[in-house]
Amino acid sequence: MHRRKFLGATAAAAAGTGLAAPALAQERITWDMVTSWPTGAPGLDDSARRIAQRITDLSGGRLVINVHGAGEIVPAFGVFDAVSQGVAQMYHSVPAYWISKNKAIGMFGSFPFGLTMFEHLGWMYWGGGQELYDKIYDGFGLKGYLAGGTGPQWFGWFRNEINTLDDLRGLRIRTTGFAGEMLNKVGVAVVTLPGGEVFQALQSGTIDAAEFVGPWNDFAFGFHQVAKNYYAPGVGEPSSTEEVVMNASAYNALPDDLKLIVKTVAMSAAVETTMDYEINNAKTVRLLTSEHGVTVRTLPQPIVDGLAAATGELVQELHADSDPAVREVIGSYAKYRNLMAEYAPYAFAGEMNARTQPFAEG
């Protein structure tokens, strides 16, 4: 019997008996995920692969995600265009890399003196951030979700101590996004490099100092072998978030249950990845200071004050930007940031300041 006639007859027979017609086998969809990370990069590559595997598993193999590290299909900074153009269906990266596309995008990743990771998720989920993110990415044919973060980043690795803004002026420092724009304002020569190229540039002297992520990633990339002064806090990136972004046409073609799986996995990763970083960053700081001769230093207050003033200028420039999308996002971000800053002394900041004495461990 012809397949169509067979299915029609089966459905009719089922209707006649009150039984449900047999479900058709679901078509398997295969996507390529391109990332901005070298294969094996702790945390970053781990997160991308965990997300891909979880989508594959929860979909029962109906949506299979194959992960490709930086350079395997496209370069680290080429993933945005690759997914926008349909070369791949999904990427894993950070919004900070895309401010040249639209400055508003950078605010979905991190902003100097801005939101912590948990505050940032609150803005995205409950403060209107996701709707603004969707509006801007839709213009590039993309659909994205935040998918975890590295927690508070560090200011960076320096060969020599820094005490004032004069010590920063003229230095070639690797960083990205709005952190770079902040540093530009105080006379730093900002160099933007993929993570896999930072060590060689630092070792060769192409750059004088480097900020990448935080202790866990930075140790794996070997920056401590070249520079021994490690500065915190990373006021330029208090909450660098990762994102999982899809080609909008590919995403819209998914059935609703697979769309929900992708969204749910991303939201799960937002917590899981952040916690992964929290514990491994803490362990790595102990290792760097006890076994590798690294001196952890607090960023001097004159530098913090100078960078805060530079950030204030940056915020005003964004409020006056010619792009209404930029003005809308900075308006929303600033309103949420100020609300959280007002509350923080009674909540997390208050608790952290009060928590000075260690607990006995045995």
Protein backbone atom coordinates (compact mmCIF):
# COMPACT_ATOMS: atom_id res chain seq x y z
CA MET A 1 0.00 0.00 0.00
CA HIS A 2 1.22 3.53 -0.73
CA ARG A 3 2.58 5.19 2.44
CA ARG A 4 0.09 8.08 2.38
CA LYS A 5 -2.85 5.67 1.91
CA PHE A 6 -1.48 3.46 4.67
CA LEU A 7 -1.28 6.37 7.12
CA GLY A 8 -4.75 7.56 6.16
CA ALA A 9 -6.20 4.10 6.59
CA THR A 10 -4.45 3.67 9.93
CA ALA A 11 -5.76 6.99 11.21
CA ALA A 12 -9.28 6.14 10.04
CA ALA A 13 -9.11 2.75 11.70
CA ALA A 14 -7.88 4.31 14.91
CA ALA A 15 -10.71 6.85 14.82
CA GLY A 16 -13.18 4.06 14.32
CA THR A 17 -11.91 2.17 17.34
CA GLY A 18 -11.36 5.19 19.59
CA LEU A 19 -7.60 4.52 19.66
CA ALA A 20 -4.97 7.23 19.06
CA ALA A 21 -3.20 7.16 15.72
CA PRO A 22 0.47 6.10 16.01
CA ALA A 23 2.88 9.05 16.35
CA LEU A 24 5.21 9.64 13.44
CA ALA A 25 8.93 9.44 14.17
CA GLN A 26 10.26 12.91 14.90
CA GLU A 27 12.80 14.27 12.44
CA ARG A 28 16.29 14.72 13.88
CA ILE A 29 17.69 18.26 13.56
CA THR A 30 21.46 18.78 13.66
CA TRP A 31 22.99 22.16 14.44
CA ASP A 32 26.57 23.41 14.54
CA MET A 33 27.56 25.52 17.54
CA VAL A 34 30.64 27.69 16.92
CA THR A 35 32.42 29.21 19.91
CA SER A 36 34.91 31.94 20.71
CA TRP A 37 36.95 29.57 22.88
CA PRO A 38 39.84 27.21 22.22
CA THR A 39 38.76 23.60 22.60
CA GLY A 40 39.42 22.53 26.18
CA ALA A 41 39.37 26.02 27.72
CA PRO A 42 38.20 25.52 31.33
CA GLY A 43 34.79 26.89 32.09
CA LEU A 44 34.24 28.51 28.71
CA ASP A 45 34.48 25.48 26.45
CA ASP A 46 33.05 23.32 29.26
CA SER A 47 29.94 25.49 29.41
CA ALA A 48 29.40 25.42 25.66
CA ARG A 49 29.68 21.64 25.52
CA ARG A 50 27.49 21.11 28.56
CA ILE A 51 24.76 23.25 27.00
CA ALA A 52 25.01 21.37 23.71
CA GLN A 53 24.89 17.97 25.39
CA ARG A 54 21.97 18.90 27.62
CA ILE A 55 19.89 20.16 24.69
CA THR A 56 20.67 16.95 22.83
CA ASP A 57 19.76 14.79 25.83
CA LEU A 58 16.59 16.62 26.87
CA SER A 59 15.31 16.60 23.31
CA GLY A 60 15.78 12.84 23.15
CA GLY A 61 18.20 13.31 20.28
CA ARG A 62 15.71 15.30 18.19
CA LEU A 63 17.98 18.39 18.34
CA VAL A 64 21.65 17.47 18.19
CA ILE A 65 24.23 20.21 18.78
CA ASN A 66 27.79 19.69 17.52
CA VAL A 67 30.35 22.03 19.13
CA HIS A 68 33.27 23.57 17.24
CA GLY A 69 36.00 25.52 19.02
CA ALA A 70 37.49 28.78 17.82
CA GLY A 71 39.14 28.40 14.43
CA GLU A 72 37.58 25.05 13.55
CA ILE A 73 34.88 26.59 11.33
CA VAL A 74 35.27 30.32 11.92
CA PRO A 75 37.67 32.47 14.01
CA ALA A 76 36.85 33.34 17.62
CA PHE A 77 35.53 36.77 16.69
CA GLY A 78 33.71 35.47 13.60
CA VAL A 79 30.93 33.55 15.33
CA PHE A 80 28.41 36.41 15.40
CA ASP A 81 28.52 36.89 11.64
CA ALA A 82 28.64 33.15 10.97
CA VAL A 83 25.37 32.53 12.81
CA SER A 84 23.73 35.70 11.53
CA GLN A 85 24.50 34.57 7.97
CA GLY A 86 23.48 30.93 8.53
CA VAL A 87 26.97 29.43 8.23
CA ALA A 88 26.26 27.85 11.63
CA GLN A 89 23.04 27.70 13.62
CA MET A 90 24.31 28.63 17.10
CA TYR A 91 27.23 30.28 18.84
CA HIS A 92 28.58 30.50 22.38
CA SER A 93 30.46 33.68 23.21
CA VAL A 94 30.12 36.93 25.20
CA PRO A 95 28.23 40.12 24.27
CA ALA A 96 31.29 42.26 25.09
CA TYR A 97 32.82 41.21 21.77
CA TRP A 98 30.07 42.80 19.67
CA ILE A 99 29.93 46.48 20.61
CA SER A 100 31.23 47.32 17.14
CA LYS A 101 27.94 45.87 15.82
CA ASN A 102 25.84 47.95 18.17
CA LYS A 103 27.04 49.53 21.42
CA ALA A 104 23.88 48.45 23.19
CA ILE A 105 24.91 44.80 22.86
CA GLY A 106 27.82 45.27 25.23
CA MET A 107 25.49 46.21 28.08
CA PHE A 108 23.96 42.73 27.97
CA GLY A 109 27.37 41.30 28.86
CA SER A 110 28.87 43.62 31.43
CA PHE A 111 29.41 47.30 32.15
CA PRO A 112 32.03 49.09 34.27
CA PHE A 113 30.89 49.64 37.85
CA GLY A 114 27.63 47.99 36.86
CA LEU A 115 25.53 44.99 37.83
CA THR A 116 26.82 41.88 39.54
CA MET A 117 26.10 38.55 37.86
CA PHE A 118 22.95 37.89 39.90
CA GLU A 119 21.73 41.47 39.53
CA HIS A 120 22.35 41.19 35.81
CA LEU A 121 20.17 38.10 35.54
CA GLY A 122 17.49 39.91 37.51
CA TRP A 123 17.54 42.75 34.96
CA MET A 124 17.35 40.29 32.07
CA TYR A 125 14.56 38.13 33.51
CA TRP A 126 12.46 40.68 35.41
CA GLY A 127 13.72 44.15 34.53
CA GLY A 128 13.07 44.24 30.79
CA GLY A 129 16.57 43.30 29.65
CA GLN A 130 15.56 40.22 27.65
CA GLU A 131 13.00 42.17 25.65
CA LEU A 132 15.61 44.79 24.71
CA TYR A 133 18.14 42.07 23.92
CA ASP A 134 15.61 40.37 21.63
CA LYS A 135 14.79 43.63 19.85
CA ILE A 136 18.43 44.38 19.02
CA TYR A 137 19.43 40.85 18.06
CA ASP A 138 16.38 40.50 15.86
CA GLY A 139 17.90 43.19 13.66
CA PHE A 140 20.80 40.82 12.98
CA GLY A 141 18.62 37.76 12.40
CA LEU A 142 19.55 36.31 15.79
CA LYS A 143 17.80 34.98 18.90
CA GLY A 144 19.77 34.71 22.13
CA TYR A 145 19.75 33.88 25.80
CA LEU A 146 22.31 34.55 28.49
CA ALA A 147 23.85 31.28 29.62
CA GLY A 148 26.01 31.88 32.66
CA GLY A 149 28.84 34.09 33.70
CA THR A 150 32.34 34.18 35.06
CA GLY A 151 31.39 36.14 38.16
CA PRO A 152 33.41 39.25 39.03
CA GLN A 153 36.32 39.51 36.64
CA TRP A 154 39.75 40.72 37.69
CA PHE A 155 41.51 43.90 36.62
CA GLY A 156 44.43 42.03 35.17
CA TRP A 157 48.03 40.86 35.16
CA PHE A 158 50.88 43.37 35.41
CA ARG A 159 54.63 42.95 35.45
CA ASN A 160 55.04 45.96 37.74
CA GLU A 161 52.93 47.46 40.50
CA ILE A 162 50.44 50.17 39.57
CA ASN A 163 49.45 52.90 42.02
CA THR A 164 48.03 55.83 40.05
CA LEU A 165 46.44 56.55 36.70
CA ASP A 166 49.82 57.76 35.49
CA ASP A 167 51.08 54.18 35.86
CA LEU A 168 48.38 53.04 33.42
CA ARG A 169 48.76 55.73 30.79
CA GLY A 170 50.45 54.47 27.64
CA LEU A 171 50.33 50.80 28.64
CA ARG A 172 49.10 48.33 26.04
CA ILE A 173 46.49 46.29 27.88
CA ARG A 174 44.39 43.47 26.51
CA THR A 175 40.70 43.79 27.36
CA THR A 176 37.34 44.03 25.55
CA GLY A 177 34.00 45.78 25.42
CA PHE A 178 33.12 48.76 27.56
CA ALA A 179 36.01 47.96 29.90
CA GLY A 180 38.23 48.88 26.96
CA GLU A 181 36.34 52.12 26.33
CA MET A 182 36.73 53.03 30.01
CA LEU A 183 40.48 52.40 29.89
CA ASN A 184 40.84 54.35 26.65
CA LYS A 185 39.53 57.40 28.46
CA VAL A 186 42.43 57.32 30.95
CA GLY A 187 45.11 56.92 28.30
CA VAL A 188 45.47 53.14 28.01
CA ALA A 189 46.20 51.66 24.58
CA VAL A 190 43.58 48.89 24.53
CA VAL A 191 44.35 45.75 22.53
CA THR A 192 41.52 43.30 21.80
CA LEU A 193 42.67 39.72 21.30
CA PRO A 194 40.97 36.30 21.46
CA GLY A 195 41.80 34.39 24.63
CA GLY A 196 43.99 31.91 22.80
CA GLU A 197 46.36 34.68 21.63
CA VAL A 198 46.81 36.57 24.90
CA PHE A 199 49.66 34.54 26.44
CA GLN A 200 51.93 34.85 23.42
CA ALA A 201 51.28 38.59 23.17
CA LEU A 202 52.03 39.04 26.88
CA GLN A 203 55.14 36.87 26.73
CA SER A 204 56.53 38.61 23.64
CA GLY A 205 55.88 42.11 24.95
CA THR A 206 53.32 42.94 22.28
CA ILE A 207 51.12 43.90 25.23
CA ASP A 208 52.24 45.17 28.64
CA ALA A 209 49.40 43.76 30.72
CA ALA A 210 46.35 41.58 30.23
CA GLU A 211 42.83 41.13 31.49
CA PHE A 212 41.00 38.03 30.28
CA VAL A 213 38.54 36.46 32.71
CA GLY A 214 39.58 35.52 36.23
CA PRO A 215 41.82 33.15 38.20
CA TRP A 216 40.56 29.82 36.82
CA ASN A 217 40.82 30.69 33.14
CA ASP A 218 43.84 32.93 33.50
CA PHE A 219 45.82 30.23 35.28
CA ALA A 220 44.99 27.69 32.57
CA PHE A 221 46.27 30.13 29.94
CA GLY A 222 49.53 30.62 31.86
CA PHE A 223 49.54 34.39 32.37
CA HIS A 224 51.11 33.93 35.82
CA GLN A 225 54.27 32.67 34.13
CA VAL A 226 54.88 36.14 32.67
CA ALA A 227 53.37 38.63 35.14
CA LYS A 228 53.22 38.18 38.92
CA ASN A 229 51.05 41.11 40.02
CA TYR A 230 47.37 40.20 39.81
CA TYR A 231 44.90 43.01 40.51
CA ALA A 232 41.29 42.94 41.71
CA PRO A 233 38.54 44.02 41.59
CA GLY A 234 37.86 44.06 37.89
CA VAL A 235 35.74 47.19 37.97
CA GLY A 236 35.52 47.16 34.18
CA GLU A 237 33.62 43.86 34.10
CA PRO A 238 31.79 43.06 37.33
CA SER A 239 29.67 40.39 35.65
CA SER A 240 30.88 39.13 32.31
CA THR A 241 28.04 36.99 30.98
CA GLU A 242 28.16 34.26 28.38
CA GLU A 243 25.47 33.91 25.74
CA VAL A 244 24.08 31.19 23.54
CA VAL A 245 22.75 32.74 20.33
CA MET A 246 20.92 31.13 17.43
CA ASN A 247 20.15 31.98 13.85
CA ALA A 248 16.60 33.33 14.16
CA SER A 249 15.28 31.43 11.15
CA ALA A 250 16.67 28.15 12.45
CA TYR A 251 15.28 28.84 15.92
CA ASN A 252 11.85 29.87 14.66
CA ALA A 253 11.62 26.66 12.63
CA LEU A 254 11.86 24.55 15.80
CA PRO A 255 8.68 23.15 17.34
CA ASP A 256 7.65 24.87 20.55
CA ASP A 257 8.87 22.13 22.86
CA LEU A 258 12.40 22.32 21.44
CA LYS A 259 12.39 26.10 21.77
CA LEU A 260 11.46 25.67 25.42
CA ILE A 261 14.27 23.15 25.92
CA VAL A 262 16.82 25.59 24.50
CA LYS A 263 15.56 28.41 26.72
CA THR A 264 15.43 26.23 29.83
CA VAL A 265 18.93 24.85 29.29
CA ALA A 266 20.29 28.39 28.86
CA MET A 267 18.62 29.53 32.08
CA SER A 268 19.95 26.47 33.90
CA ALA A 269 23.44 27.18 32.61
CA ALA A 270 23.17 30.76 33.89
CA VAL A 271 23.34 29.39 37.42
CA GLU A 272 25.42 26.26 36.87
CA THR A 273 28.21 27.96 34.95
CA THR A 274 28.41 30.83 37.42
CA MET A 275 28.73 28.46 40.35
CA ASP A 276 31.38 26.48 38.47
CA TYR A 277 33.41 29.68 38.19
CA GLU A 278 32.85 30.70 41.80
CA ILE A 279 34.38 27.57 43.31
CA ASN A 280 37.18 27.17 40.78
CA ASN A 281 38.19 30.84 40.95
CA ALA A 282 38.43 30.58 44.74
CA LYS A 283 40.53 27.42 44.59
CA THR A 284 42.80 28.87 41.93
CA VAL A 285 43.61 32.03 43.91
CA ARG A 286 44.91 29.82 46.71
CA LEU A 287 47.01 27.90 44.20
CA LEU A 288 48.43 31.00 42.51
CA THR A 289 49.51 32.59 45.78
CA SER A 290 50.78 29.47 47.54
CA GLU A 291 52.59 27.69 44.72
CA HIS A 292 53.27 30.12 41.87
CA GLY A 293 54.62 33.27 43.47
CA VAL A 294 51.72 35.47 42.43
CA THR A 295 50.94 38.54 44.53
CA VAL A 296 47.25 39.37 44.63
CA ARG A 297 46.82 43.13 44.94
CA THR A 298 43.84 45.40 45.50
CA LEU A 299 43.38 48.06 42.86
CA PRO A 300 44.50 51.33 44.49
CA GLN A 301 41.74 53.81 45.29
CA PRO A 302 43.17 56.63 43.08
CA ILE A 303 42.86 54.29 40.09
CA VAL A 304 39.34 53.21 41.09
CA ASP A 305 38.30 56.85 41.41
CA GLY A 306 39.78 57.76 38.03
CA LEU A 307 38.10 54.82 36.31
CA ALA A 308 34.77 55.65 37.96
CA ALA A 309 34.99 59.19 36.59
CA ALA A 310 35.79 57.83 33.12
CA THR A 311 32.79 55.51 33.37
CA GLY A 312 30.56 58.45 34.28
CA GLU A 313 31.62 60.14 31.04
CA LEU A 314 30.89 56.95 29.12
CA VAL A 315 27.40 56.67 30.58
CA GLN A 316 26.59 60.24 29.58
CA GLU A 317 27.82 59.58 26.04
CA LEU A 318 25.54 56.56 25.77
CA HIS A 319 22.55 58.57 27.00
CA ALA A 320 23.32 61.05 24.20
CA ASP A 321 23.99 58.43 21.51
CA SER A 322 22.35 58.96 18.13
CA ASP A 323 20.96 55.39 18.17
CA PRO A 324 17.67 55.26 20.10
CA ALA A 325 18.31 51.58 20.93
CA VAL A 326 21.51 52.52 22.76
CA ARG A 327 19.70 55.23 24.71
CA GLU A 328 16.88 52.82 25.59
CA VAL A 329 19.22 50.11 26.86
CA ILE A 330 21.46 52.40 28.94
CA GLY A 331 18.31 53.99 30.41
CA SER A 332 16.93 50.61 31.46
CA TYR A 333 20.31 49.36 32.69
CA ALA A 334 21.06 52.48 34.71
CA LYS A 335 17.63 52.48 36.37
CA TYR A 336 18.00 48.84 37.44
CA ARG A 337 21.64 49.31 38.48
CA ASN A 338 20.79 52.24 40.74
CA LEU A 339 17.93 50.35 42.36
CA MET A 340 20.23 47.42 43.15
CA ALA A 341 23.02 49.70 44.39
CA GLU A 342 20.54 51.31 46.78
CA TYR A 343 19.51 47.90 48.12
CA ALA A 344 22.94 46.22 48.21
CA PRO A 345 24.20 47.69 51.54
CA TYR A 346 21.33 45.93 53.30
CA ALA A 347 21.71 42.66 51.37
CA PHE A 348 24.78 41.09 49.72
CA ALA A 349 27.19 43.98 50.32
CA GLY A 350 26.13 44.25 53.94
CA GLU A 351 26.54 40.53 54.51
CA MET A 352 29.95 40.44 52.81
CA ASN A 353 31.23 43.35 54.88
CA ALA A 354 29.99 41.70 58.07
CA ARG A 355 31.46 38.29 57.22
CA THR A 356 35.04 38.90 58.36
CA GLN A 357 35.81 35.96 60.66
CA PRO A 358 36.46 32.48 59.21
CA PHE A 359 34.51 29.47 60.48
CA ALA A 360 36.38 26.65 62.18
CA GLU A 361 36.69 23.79 59.69
CA GLY A 362 36.99 21.02 62.22
